[in-house]
PDB file of all heavy atoms in Angstrom:
ATOM      1  N   GLY A   1     207.425  75.895 137.382  1.00  0.00           N
ATOM      2  CA  GLY A   1     207.688  75.964 136.010  1.00  0.00           C
ATOM      3  C   GLY A   1     207.223  74.786 135.176  1.00  0.00           C
ATOM      4  O   GLY A   1     207.180  74.788 133.925  1.00  0.00           O
ATOM      5  N   GLY A   2     206.801  73.788 135.881  1.00  0.00           N
ATOM      6  CA  GLY A   2     206.363  72.536 135.265  1.00  0.00           C
ATOM      7  C   GLY A   2     204.892  72.619 134.858  1.00  0.00           C
ATOM      8  O   GLY A   2     204.204  73.639 134.985  1.00  0.00           O
ATOM      9  N   SER A   3     204.393  71.513 134.373  1.00  0.00           N
ATOM     10  CA  SER A   3     202.986  71.406 133.861  1.00  0.00           C
ATOM     11  C   SER A   3     202.247  70.199 134.479  1.00  0.00           C
ATOM     12  O   SER A   3     202.934  69.186 134.788  1.00  0.00           O
ATOM     13  CB  SER A   3     202.966  71.296 132.353  1.00  0.00           C
ATOM     14  OG  SER A   3     203.605  72.446 131.784  1.00  0.00           O
ATOM     15  N   LEU A   4     200.992  70.326 134.542  1.00  0.00           N
ATOM     16  CA  LEU A   4     200.100  69.181 134.890  1.00  0.00           C
ATOM     17  C   LEU A   4     198.844  69.301 134.113  1.00  0.00           C
ATOM     18  O   LEU A   4     198.414  70.420 133.783  1.00  0.00           O
ATOM     19  CB  LEU A   4     199.780  69.207 136.398  1.00  0.00           C
ATOM     20  CG  LEU A   4     200.785  68.589 137.372  1.00  0.00           C
ATOM     21  CD1 LEU A   4     200.258  68.852 138.799  1.00  0.00           C
ATOM     22  CD2 LEU A   4     201.055  67.148 137.094  1.00  0.00           C
ATOM     23  N   ARG A   5     198.201  68.172 133.869  1.00  0.00           N
ATOM     24  CA  ARG A   5     196.891  68.170 133.238  1.00  0.00           C
ATOM     25  C   ARG A   5     195.891  67.458 134.124  1.00  0.00           C
ATOM     26  O   ARG A   5     196.050  66.226 134.446  1.00  0.00           O
ATOM     27  CB  ARG A   5     196.937  67.470 131.914  1.00  0.00           C
ATOM     28  CG  ARG A   5     195.637  67.630 131.105  1.00  0.00           C
ATOM     29  CD  ARG A   5     195.585  66.606 129.958  1.00  0.00           C
ATOM     30  NE  ARG A   5     194.600  66.887 128.955  1.00  0.00           N
ATOM     31  CZ  ARG A   5     194.103  65.994 128.164  1.00  0.00           C
ATOM     32  NH1 ARG A   5     194.496  64.685 128.255  1.00  0.00           N
ATOM     33  NH2 ARG A   5     193.218  66.332 127.245  1.00  0.00           N
ATOM     34  N   LEU A   6     194.879  68.180 134.575  1.00  0.00           N
ATOM     35  CA  LEU A   6     193.847  67.620 135.430  1.00  0.00           C
ATOM     36  C   LEU A   6     192.669  67.213 134.514  1.00  0.00           C
ATOM     37  O   LEU A   6     192.426  67.821 133.524  1.00  0.00           O
ATOM     38  CB  LEU A   6     193.321  68.589 136.448  1.00  0.00           C
ATOM     39  CG  LEU A   6     194.398  69.236 137.388  1.00  0.00           C
ATOM     40  CD1 LEU A   6     193.727  70.085 138.414  1.00  0.00           C
ATOM     41  CD2 LEU A   6     195.266  68.129 138.074  1.00  0.00           C
ATOM     42  N   SER A   7     192.039  66.124 134.944  1.00  0.00           N
ATOM     43  CA  SER A   7     190.820  65.690 134.256  1.00  0.00           C
ATOM     44  C   SER A   7     189.661  65.544 135.273  1.00  0.00           C
ATOM     45  O   SER A   7     189.899  65.318 136.459  1.00  0.00           O
ATOM     46  CB  SER A   7     191.032  64.263 133.592  1.00  0.00           C
ATOM     47  OG  SER A   7     192.097  64.312 132.661  1.00  0.00           O
ATOM     48  N   CYS A   8     188.456  65.713 134.744  1.00  0.00           N
ATOM     49  CA  CYS A   8     187.313  65.552 135.570  1.00  0.00           C
ATOM     50  C   CYS A   8     186.269  64.744 134.745  1.00  0.00           C
ATOM     51  O   CYS A   8     185.803  65.290 133.723  1.00  0.00           O
ATOM     52  CB  CYS A   8     186.678  66.932 136.002  1.00  0.00           C
ATOM     53  SG  CYS A   8     185.073  66.801 136.771  1.00  0.00           S
ATOM     54  N   ALA A   9     186.004  63.546 135.139  1.00  0.00           N
ATOM     55  CA  ALA A   9     185.079  62.749 134.473  1.00  0.00           C
ATOM     56  C   ALA A   9     183.737  62.738 135.223  1.00  0.00           C
ATOM     57  O   ALA A   9     183.696  62.536 136.398  1.00  0.00           O
ATOM     58  CB  ALA A   9     185.594  61.252 134.418  1.00  0.00           C
ATOM     59  N   ALA A  10     182.651  63.012 134.453  1.00  0.00           N
ATOM     60  CA  ALA A  10     181.366  63.150 135.000  1.00  0.00           C
ATOM     61  C   ALA A  10     180.557  61.869 134.685  1.00  0.00           C
ATOM     62  O   ALA A  10     180.746  61.253 133.646  1.00  0.00           O
ATOM     63  CB  ALA A  10     180.595  64.348 134.503  1.00  0.00           C
ATOM     64  N   SER A  11     179.686  61.503 135.589  1.00  0.00           N
ATOM     65  CA  SER A  11     178.859  60.367 135.420  1.00  0.00           C
ATOM     66  C   SER A  11     177.576  60.589 134.558  1.00  0.00           C
ATOM     67  O   SER A  11     176.791  59.677 134.320  1.00  0.00           O
ATOM     68  CB  SER A  11     178.414  59.748 136.765  1.00  0.00           C
ATOM     69  OG  SER A  11     177.643  60.719 137.513  1.00  0.00           O
ATOM     70  N   VAL A  12     177.385  61.927 134.228  1.00  0.00           N
ATOM     71  CA  VAL A  12     176.240  62.314 133.433  1.00  0.00           C
ATOM     72  C   VAL A  12     176.694  63.236 132.342  1.00  0.00           C
ATOM     73  O   VAL A  12     177.890  63.572 132.289  1.00  0.00           O
ATOM     74  CB  VAL A  12     175.269  63.071 134.323  1.00  0.00           C
ATOM     75  CG1 VAL A  12     174.718  62.201 135.439  1.00  0.00           C
ATOM     76  CG2 VAL A  12     175.884  64.334 134.942  1.00  0.00           C
ATOM     77  N   SER A  13     175.761  63.520 131.490  1.00  0.00           N
ATOM     78  CA  SER A  13     176.079  64.481 130.434  1.00  0.00           C
ATOM     79  C   SER A  13     176.474  65.844 131.043  1.00  0.00           C
ATOM     80  O   SER A  13     175.914  66.285 132.003  1.00  0.00           O
ATOM     81  CB  SER A  13     174.867  64.687 129.538  1.00  0.00           C
ATOM     82  OG  SER A  13     175.080  65.841 128.660  1.00  0.00           O
ATOM     83  N   ILE A  14     177.500  66.446 130.453  1.00  0.00           N
ATOM     84  CA  ILE A  14     177.986  67.762 130.997  1.00  0.00           C
ATOM     85  C   ILE A  14     177.389  68.888 130.210  1.00  0.00           C
ATOM     86  O   ILE A  14     178.054  69.872 129.889  1.00  0.00           O
ATOM     87  CB  ILE A  14     179.531  67.822 131.016  1.00  0.00           C
ATOM     88  CG1 ILE A  14     180.144  67.514 129.647  1.00  0.00           C
ATOM     89  CG2 ILE A  14     180.057  66.842 132.139  1.00  0.00           C
ATOM     90  CD1 ILE A  14     181.709  67.748 129.652  1.00  0.00           C
ATOM     91  N   PHE A  15     176.066  68.774 129.924  1.00  0.00           N
ATOM     92  CA  PHE A  15     175.400  69.877 129.305  1.00  0.00           C
ATOM     93  C   PHE A  15     175.178  70.955 130.347  1.00  0.00           C
ATOM     94  O   PHE A  15     174.036  71.242 130.798  1.00  0.00           O
ATOM     95  CB  PHE A  15     174.063  69.436 128.723  1.00  0.00           C
ATOM     96  CG  PHE A  15     173.351  70.538 127.889  1.00  0.00           C
ATOM     97  CD1 PHE A  15     173.865  70.904 126.713  1.00  0.00           C
ATOM     98  CD2 PHE A  15     172.157  71.066 128.359  1.00  0.00           C
ATOM     99  CE1 PHE A  15     173.222  71.947 126.002  1.00  0.00           C
ATOM    100  CE2 PHE A  15     171.567  72.094 127.674  1.00  0.00           C
ATOM    101  CZ  PHE A  15     172.042  72.510 126.451  1.00  0.00           C
ATOM    102  N   SER A  16     176.286  71.611 130.773  1.00  0.00           N
ATOM    103  CA  SER A  16     176.233  72.494 131.939  1.00  0.00           C
ATOM    104  C   SER A  16     177.479  73.368 131.848  1.00  0.00           C
ATOM    105  O   SER A  16     178.353  73.205 130.965  1.00  0.00           O
ATOM    106  CB  SER A  16     176.362  71.659 133.191  1.00  0.00           C
ATOM    107  OG  SER A  16     175.431  70.579 133.203  1.00  0.00           O
ATOM    108  N   ILE A  17     177.593  74.328 132.727  1.00  0.00           N
ATOM    109  CA  ILE A  17     178.808  75.056 132.939  1.00  0.00           C
ATOM    110  C   ILE A  17     179.770  74.188 133.737  1.00  0.00           C
ATOM    111  O   ILE A  17     179.358  73.708 134.857  1.00  0.00           O
ATOM    112  CB  ILE A  17     178.558  76.403 133.613  1.00  0.00           C
ATOM    113  CG1 ILE A  17     177.761  77.295 132.693  1.00  0.00           C
ATOM    114  CG2 ILE A  17     179.890  77.070 133.949  1.00  0.00           C
ATOM    115  CD1 ILE A  17     177.267  78.607 133.338  1.00  0.00           C
ATOM    116  N   MET A  18     180.970  73.896 133.315  1.00  0.00           N
ATOM    117  CA  MET A  18     181.931  73.150 134.032  1.00  0.00           C
ATOM    118  C   MET A  18     183.063  74.081 134.516  1.00  0.00           C
ATOM    119  O   MET A  18     183.525  74.896 133.723  1.00  0.00           O
ATOM    120  CB  MET A  18     182.502  72.065 133.166  1.00  0.00           C
ATOM    121  CG  MET A  18     181.509  71.046 132.616  1.00  0.00           C
ATOM    122  SD  MET A  18     180.705  70.097 133.944  1.00  0.00           S
ATOM    123  CE  MET A  18     182.081  69.258 134.686  1.00  0.00           C
ATOM    124  N   GLY A  19     183.442  73.943 135.754  1.00  0.00           N
ATOM    125  CA  GLY A  19     184.453  74.784 136.293  1.00  0.00           C
ATOM    126  C   GLY A  19     185.440  74.064 137.127  1.00  0.00           C
ATOM    127  O   GLY A  19     185.276  72.945 137.564  1.00  0.00           O
ATOM    128  N   TRP A  20     186.605  74.701 137.330  1.00  0.00           N
ATOM    129  CA  TRP A  20     187.570  74.260 138.261  1.00  0.00           C
ATOM    130  C   TRP A  20     187.772  75.302 139.346  1.00  0.00           C
ATOM    131  O   TRP A  20     187.948  76.533 139.047  1.00  0.00           O
ATOM    132  CB  TRP A  20     188.898  74.020 137.533  1.00  0.00           C
ATOM    133  CG  TRP A  20     188.960  72.837 136.677  1.00  0.00           C
ATOM    134  CD1 TRP A  20     188.779  72.798 135.341  1.00  0.00           C
ATOM    135  CD2 TRP A  20     189.274  71.546 137.060  1.00  0.00           C
ATOM    136  NE1 TRP A  20     188.915  71.531 134.895  1.00  0.00           N
ATOM    137  CE2 TRP A  20     189.205  70.688 135.945  1.00  0.00           C
ATOM    138  CE3 TRP A  20     189.547  70.873 138.343  1.00  0.00           C
ATOM    139  CZ2 TRP A  20     189.434  69.312 135.947  1.00  0.00           C
ATOM    140  CZ3 TRP A  20     189.807  69.551 138.353  1.00  0.00           C
ATOM    141  CH2 TRP A  20     189.732  68.701 137.184  1.00  0.00           C
ATOM    142  N   TYR A  21     187.722  74.888 140.588  1.00  0.00           N
ATOM    143  CA  TYR A  21     187.995  75.754 141.746  1.00  0.00           C
ATOM    144  C   TYR A  21     189.239  75.165 142.455  1.00  0.00           C
ATOM    145  O   TYR A  21     189.586  74.082 142.210  1.00  0.00           O
ATOM    146  CB  TYR A  21     186.823  75.763 142.703  1.00  0.00           C
ATOM    147  CG  TYR A  21     185.586  76.513 142.179  1.00  0.00           C
ATOM    148  CD1 TYR A  21     184.830  75.946 141.153  1.00  0.00           C
ATOM    149  CD2 TYR A  21     185.186  77.683 142.763  1.00  0.00           C
ATOM    150  CE1 TYR A  21     183.686  76.625 140.692  1.00  0.00           C
ATOM    151  CE2 TYR A  21     184.056  78.368 142.370  1.00  0.00           C
ATOM    152  CZ  TYR A  21     183.324  77.858 141.325  1.00  0.00           C
ATOM    153  OH  TYR A  21     182.175  78.548 140.891  1.00  0.00           O
ATOM    154  N   ARG A  22     189.766  76.038 143.339  1.00  0.00           N
ATOM    155  CA  ARG A  22     190.916  75.488 144.130  1.00  0.00           C
ATOM    156  C   ARG A  22     190.795  76.098 145.523  1.00  0.00           C
ATOM    157  O   ARG A  22     190.277  77.188 145.719  1.00  0.00           O
ATOM    158  CB  ARG A  22     192.259  75.808 143.438  1.00  0.00           C
ATOM    159  CG  ARG A  22     192.628  77.276 143.370  1.00  0.00           C
ATOM    160  CD  ARG A  22     193.937  77.486 142.629  1.00  0.00           C
ATOM    161  NE  ARG A  22     194.298  78.846 142.545  1.00  0.00           N
ATOM    162  CZ  ARG A  22     195.321  79.274 141.830  1.00  0.00           C
ATOM    163  NH1 ARG A  22     196.074  78.480 141.061  1.00  0.00           N
ATOM    164  NH2 ARG A  22     195.692  80.569 141.832  1.00  0.00           N
ATOM    165  N   GLN A  23     191.395  75.320 146.431  1.00  0.00           N
ATOM    166  CA  GLN A  23     191.459  75.789 147.784  1.00  0.00           C
ATOM    167  C   GLN A  23     192.825  75.520 148.368  1.00  0.00           C
ATOM    168  O   GLN A  23     193.196  74.364 148.546  1.00  0.00           O
ATOM    169  CB  GLN A  23     190.382  75.152 148.660  1.00  0.00           C
ATOM    170  CG  GLN A  23     190.288  75.719 150.070  1.00  0.00           C
ATOM    171  CD  GLN A  23     189.020  75.260 150.771  1.00  0.00           C
ATOM    172  OE1 GLN A  23     188.359  74.301 150.390  1.00  0.00           O
ATOM    173  NE2 GLN A  23     188.610  76.035 151.804  1.00  0.00           N
ATOM    174  N   ALA A  24     193.567  76.561 148.683  1.00  0.00           N
ATOM    175  CA  ALA A  24     194.875  76.419 149.261  1.00  0.00           C
ATOM    176  C   ALA A  24     194.691  76.320 150.780  1.00  0.00           C
ATOM    177  O   ALA A  24     193.686  76.796 151.356  1.00  0.00           O
ATOM    178  CB  ALA A  24     195.723  77.588 148.920  1.00  0.00           C
ATOM    179  N   PRO A  25     195.716  75.796 151.504  1.00  0.00           N
ATOM    180  CA  PRO A  25     195.623  75.666 152.973  1.00  0.00           C
ATOM    181  C   PRO A  25     195.360  76.976 153.617  1.00  0.00           C
ATOM    182  O   PRO A  25     196.005  78.005 153.306  1.00  0.00           O
ATOM    183  CB  PRO A  25     197.012  75.103 153.351  1.00  0.00           C
ATOM    184  CG  PRO A  25     197.452  74.360 152.109  1.00  0.00           C
ATOM    185  CD  PRO A  25     196.883  75.154 150.989  1.00  0.00           C
ATOM    186  N   GLY A  26     194.342  77.055 154.471  1.00  0.00           N
ATOM    187  CA  GLY A  26     194.042  78.298 155.200  1.00  0.00           C
ATOM    188  C   GLY A  26     193.344  79.337 154.394  1.00  0.00           C
ATOM    189  O   GLY A  26     193.180  80.453 154.837  1.00  0.00           O
ATOM    190  N   LYS A  27     192.938  79.002 153.162  1.00  0.00           N
ATOM    191  CA  LYS A  27     192.274  80.021 152.273  1.00  0.00           C
ATOM    192  C   LYS A  27     190.950  79.535 151.852  1.00  0.00           C
ATOM    193  O   LYS A  27     190.592  78.341 151.912  1.00  0.00           O
ATOM    194  CB  LYS A  27     193.166  80.299 151.048  1.00  0.00           C
ATOM    195  CG  LYS A  27     194.527  80.974 151.427  1.00  0.00           C
ATOM    196  CD  LYS A  27     195.206  81.465 150.170  1.00  0.00           C
ATOM    197  CE  LYS A  27     196.464  82.182 150.480  1.00  0.00           C
ATOM    198  NZ  LYS A  27     197.153  82.701 149.260  1.00  0.00           N
TER     199      LYS A  27
END
């Protein structure tokens, strides 16, 4: 029920598609 905010800082310009993926244990 809680919240979190993730950040992703890039070392270059992000003139790109940016995405978030996830991997759970065993998946």
